[in-house]
Amino acid sequence: MSVNYGSKRTVVGAHYGIRDWLVQRGTAVLMALFTIVLLARVLMISGPIGYDGWAGVFAPQWMKFLTFAVIVSLVWHAWVGVRDVWMDYVPAAGLRLILNIFTIVWLVGCAGWGFQVLWRL
């Protein structure tokens, strides 16, 4: 519930950052679990690890889905963190807007590249 005190400030309460905090923790847990699964799959490869070995790690559909989810989680995790840095340390609204747009374009480009690499295997 927001309460307006004066003409400039709207007080929204202490709960406004909980969603971003939960997103950061949830995506971090997913990325940590993915790292464990990836290490287990890589350690099960016998012999030298070449292109065929790496392609075999990501060949099952469930692994592609898990990697897809981790790419989305990584982008979301990075967006929340970088956006918070821009909000906290860039006081000029115009520059902050430019940095936010650049960050979004960069993260979408990185995610697109990751999806392209993933589905080409």
C-alpha atoms as a PDB file:
ATOM      1  CA  MET A   1       0.000   0.000   0.000  1.00  0.00           C
ATOM      2  CA  SER A   2       1.541   3.291  -1.016  1.00  0.00           C
ATOM      3  CA  VAL A   3       1.091   6.497   0.906  1.00  0.00           C
ATOM      4  CA  ASN A   4       1.866   9.848  -0.652  1.00  0.00           C
ATOM      5  CA  TYR A   5       3.556  12.319   1.699  1.00  0.00           C
ATOM      6  CA  GLY A   6       3.849  15.710   0.020  1.00  0.00           C
ATOM      7  CA  SER A   7       4.159  16.227  -3.696  1.00  0.00           C
ATOM      8  CA  LYS A   8       7.439  14.431  -4.383  1.00  0.00           C
ATOM      9  CA  ARG A   9       7.712  11.155  -2.503  1.00  0.00           C
ATOM     10  CA  THR A  10       5.686   7.965  -2.554  1.00  0.00           C
ATOM     11  CA  VAL A  11       6.488   5.540   0.250  1.00  0.00           C
ATOM     12  CA  VAL A  12       5.862   1.949  -0.831  1.00  0.00           C
ATOM     13  CA  GLY A  13       7.116   0.034   2.180  1.00  0.00           C
ATOM     14  CA  ALA A  14       9.982  -2.347   2.742  1.00  0.00           C
ATOM     15  CA  HIS A  15       8.760  -5.115   0.425  1.00  0.00           C
ATOM     16  CA  TYR A  16       9.689  -3.494  -2.887  1.00  0.00           C
ATOM     17  CA  GLY A  17      13.073  -5.239  -3.207  1.00  0.00           C
ATOM     18  CA  ILE A  18      12.080  -8.745  -2.090  1.00  0.00           C
ATOM     19  CA  ARG A  19      11.199  -9.936  -5.599  1.00  0.00           C
ATOM     20  CA  ASP A  20      14.626  -8.989  -6.963  1.00  0.00           C
ATOM     21  CA  TRP A  21      16.329 -10.539  -3.948  1.00  0.00           C
ATOM     22  CA  LEU A  22      14.413 -13.792  -4.498  1.00  0.00           C
ATOM     23  CA  VAL A  23      15.211 -13.741  -8.234  1.00  0.00           C
ATOM     24  CA  GLN A  24      18.927 -13.386  -7.467  1.00  0.00           C
ATOM     25  CA  ARG A  25      18.845 -16.312  -5.025  1.00  0.00           C
ATOM     26  CA  GLY A  26      16.668 -18.537  -7.204  1.00  0.00           C
ATOM     27  CA  THR A  27      18.729 -18.034 -10.336  1.00  0.00           C
ATOM     28  CA  ALA A  28      21.944 -18.556  -8.364  1.00  0.00           C
ATOM     29  CA  VAL A  29      20.657 -21.896  -7.038  1.00  0.00           C
ATOM     30  CA  LEU A  30      19.672 -23.005 -10.552  1.00  0.00           C
ATOM     31  CA  MET A  31      23.090 -22.056 -11.937  1.00  0.00           C
ATOM     32  CA  ALA A  32      24.852 -23.889  -9.088  1.00  0.00           C
ATOM     33  CA  LEU A  33      22.795 -27.054  -9.711  1.00  0.00           C
ATOM     34  CA  PHE A  34      23.537 -26.802 -13.423  1.00  0.00           C
ATOM     35  CA  THR A  35      27.261 -26.573 -12.661  1.00  0.00           C
ATOM     36  CA  ILE A  36      27.081 -29.770 -10.606  1.00  0.00           C
ATOM     37  CA  VAL A  37      25.146 -31.610 -13.342  1.00  0.00           C
ATOM     38  CA  LEU A  38      27.561 -30.366 -16.016  1.00  0.00           C
ATOM     39  CA  LEU A  39      30.604 -31.452 -14.013  1.00  0.00           C
ATOM     40  CA  ALA A  40      29.083 -34.899 -13.449  1.00  0.00           C
ATOM     41  CA  ARG A  41      28.371 -35.304 -17.171  1.00  0.00           C
ATOM     42  CA  VAL A  42      31.851 -34.140 -18.163  1.00  0.00           C
ATOM     43  CA  LEU A  43      33.529 -36.455 -15.647  1.00  0.00           C
ATOM     44  CA  MET A  44      31.633 -39.400 -17.147  1.00  0.00           C
ATOM     45  CA  ILE A  45      33.290 -38.857 -20.543  1.00  0.00           C
ATOM     46  CA  SER A  46      35.975 -41.440 -21.112  1.00  0.00           C
ATOM     47  CA  GLY A  47      39.070 -40.522 -23.060  1.00  0.00           C
ATOM     48  CA  PRO A  48      40.090 -37.117 -24.341  1.00  0.00           C
ATOM     49  CA  ILE A  49      37.435 -34.439 -24.440  1.00  0.00           C
ATOM     50  CA  GLY A  50      36.990 -33.138 -27.963  1.00  0.00           C
ATOM     51  CA  TYR A  51      34.123 -31.697 -29.948  1.00  0.00           C
ATOM     52  CA  ASP A  52      32.282 -35.030 -29.990  1.00  0.00           C
ATOM     53  CA  GLY A  53      32.515 -35.302 -26.217  1.00  0.00           C
ATOM     54  CA  TRP A  54      31.125 -31.808 -25.661  1.00  0.00           C
ATOM     55  CA  ALA A  55      28.400 -32.361 -28.243  1.00  0.00           C
ATOM     56  CA  GLY A  56      27.518 -35.578 -26.426  1.00  0.00           C
ATOM     57  CA  VAL A  57      27.203 -33.729 -23.118  1.00  0.00           C
ATOM     58  CA  PHE A  58      24.581 -31.377 -24.573  1.00  0.00           C
ATOM     59  CA  ALA A  59      22.913 -33.860 -26.959  1.00  0.00           C
ATOM     60  CA  PRO A  60      20.038 -35.088 -24.728  1.00  0.00           C
ATOM     61  CA  GLN A  61      16.929 -32.958 -24.918  1.00  0.00           C
ATOM     62  CA  TRP A  62      16.724 -32.581 -21.128  1.00  0.00           C
ATOM     63  CA  MET A  63      20.262 -31.134 -21.068  1.00  0.00           C
ATOM     64  CA  LYS A  64      19.375 -28.654 -23.799  1.00  0.00           C
ATOM     65  CA  PHE A  65      16.293 -27.601 -21.839  1.00  0.00           C
ATOM     66  CA  LEU A  66      18.315 -27.246 -18.629  1.00  0.00           C
ATOM     67  CA  THR A  67      20.975 -25.202 -20.452  1.00  0.00           C
ATOM     68  CA  PHE A  68      18.252 -23.039 -21.996  1.00  0.00           C
ATOM     69  CA  ALA A  69      16.826 -22.398 -18.509  1.00  0.00           C
ATOM     70  CA  VAL A  70      20.276 -21.530 -17.183  1.00  0.00           C
ATOM     71  CA  ILE A  71      20.910 -19.046 -20.011  1.00  0.00           C
ATOM     72  CA  VAL A  72      17.608 -17.327 -19.208  1.00  0.00           C
ATOM     73  CA  SER A  73      18.475 -17.408 -15.491  1.00  0.00           C
ATOM     74  CA  LEU A  74      21.932 -15.993 -16.114  1.00  0.00           C
ATOM     75  CA  VAL A  75      20.521 -13.107 -18.152  1.00  0.00           C
ATOM     76  CA  TRP A  76      17.889 -12.358 -15.493  1.00  0.00           C
ATOM     77  CA  HIS A  77      20.482 -12.606 -12.704  1.00  0.00           C
ATOM     78  CA  ALA A  78      22.850 -10.274 -14.541  1.00  0.00           C
ATOM     79  CA  TRP A  79      20.062  -7.800 -15.345  1.00  0.00           C
ATOM     80  CA  VAL A  80      18.988  -7.470 -11.707  1.00  0.00           C
ATOM     81  CA  GLY A  81      22.570  -6.988 -10.543  1.00  0.00           C
ATOM     82  CA  VAL A  82      23.675  -4.535 -13.221  1.00  0.00           C
ATOM     83  CA  ARG A  83      20.419  -2.568 -13.006  1.00  0.00           C
ATOM     84  CA  ASP A  84      20.930  -2.181  -9.261  1.00  0.00           C
ATOM     85  CA  VAL A  85      24.480  -0.928  -9.834  1.00  0.00           C
ATOM     86  CA  TRP A  86      23.239   1.640 -12.374  1.00  0.00           C
ATOM     87  CA  MET A  87      20.454   2.763 -10.005  1.00  0.00           C
ATOM     88  CA  ASP A  88      22.810   3.089  -7.031  1.00  0.00           C
ATOM     89  CA  TYR A  89      25.871   4.686  -8.630  1.00  0.00           C
ATOM     90  CA  VAL A  90      24.689   6.663 -11.685  1.00  0.00           C
ATOM     91  CA  PRO A  91      22.761   9.704 -10.484  1.00  0.00           C
ATOM     92  CA  ALA A  92      22.030  11.243 -13.903  1.00  0.00           C
ATOM     93  CA  ALA A  93      18.713   9.849 -15.187  1.00  0.00           C
ATOM     94  CA  GLY A  94      19.616  10.244 -18.882  1.00  0.00           C
ATOM     95  CA  LEU A  95      22.928   8.413 -18.548  1.00  0.00           C
ATOM     96  CA  ARG A  96      21.263   5.721 -16.433  1.00  0.00           C
ATOM     97  CA  LEU A  97      18.649   5.217 -19.164  1.00  0.00           C
ATOM     98  CA  ILE A  98      21.354   4.865 -21.827  1.00  0.00           C
ATOM     99  CA  LEU A  99      23.270   2.380 -19.673  1.00  0.00           C
ATOM    100  CA  ASN A 100      20.092   0.372 -19.011  1.00  0.00           C
ATOM    101  CA  ILE A 101      19.289   0.217 -22.737  1.00  0.00           C
ATOM    102  CA  PHE A 102      22.868  -0.804 -23.544  1.00  0.00           C
ATOM    103  CA  THR A 103      22.726  -3.497 -20.844  1.00  0.00           C
ATOM    104  CA  ILE A 104      19.435  -4.902 -22.160  1.00  0.00           C
ATOM    105  CA  VAL A 105      20.714  -4.998 -25.751  1.00  0.00           C
ATOM    106  CA  TRP A 106      23.962  -6.627 -24.659  1.00  0.00           C
ATOM    107  CA  LEU A 107      22.224  -9.264 -22.507  1.00  0.00           C
ATOM    108  CA  VAL A 108      19.690 -10.110 -25.238  1.00  0.00           C
ATOM    109  CA  GLY A 109      22.556 -10.431 -27.730  1.00  0.00           C
ATOM    110  CA  CYS A 110      24.499 -12.726 -25.410  1.00  0.00           C
ATOM    111  CA  ALA A 111      21.398 -14.858 -24.776  1.00  0.00           C
ATOM    112  CA  GLY A 112      20.691 -15.077 -28.513  1.00  0.00           C
ATOM    113  CA  TRP A 113      24.261 -16.173 -29.168  1.00  0.00           C
ATOM    114  CA  GLY A 114      24.009 -18.771 -26.392  1.00  0.00           C
ATOM    115  CA  PHE A 115      20.766 -20.156 -27.826  1.00  0.00           C
ATOM    116  CA  GLN A 116      22.302 -20.307 -31.286  1.00  0.00           C
ATOM    117  CA  VAL A 117      25.289 -22.261 -29.994  1.00  0.00           C
ATOM    118  CA  LEU A 118      23.083 -24.549 -27.909  1.00  0.00           C
ATOM    119  CA  TRP A 119      20.633 -25.531 -30.636  1.00  0.00           C
ATOM    120  CA  ARG A 120      23.332 -25.944 -33.292  1.00  0.00           C
ATOM    121  CA  LEU A 121      24.947 -28.847 -31.387  1.00  0.00           C
END
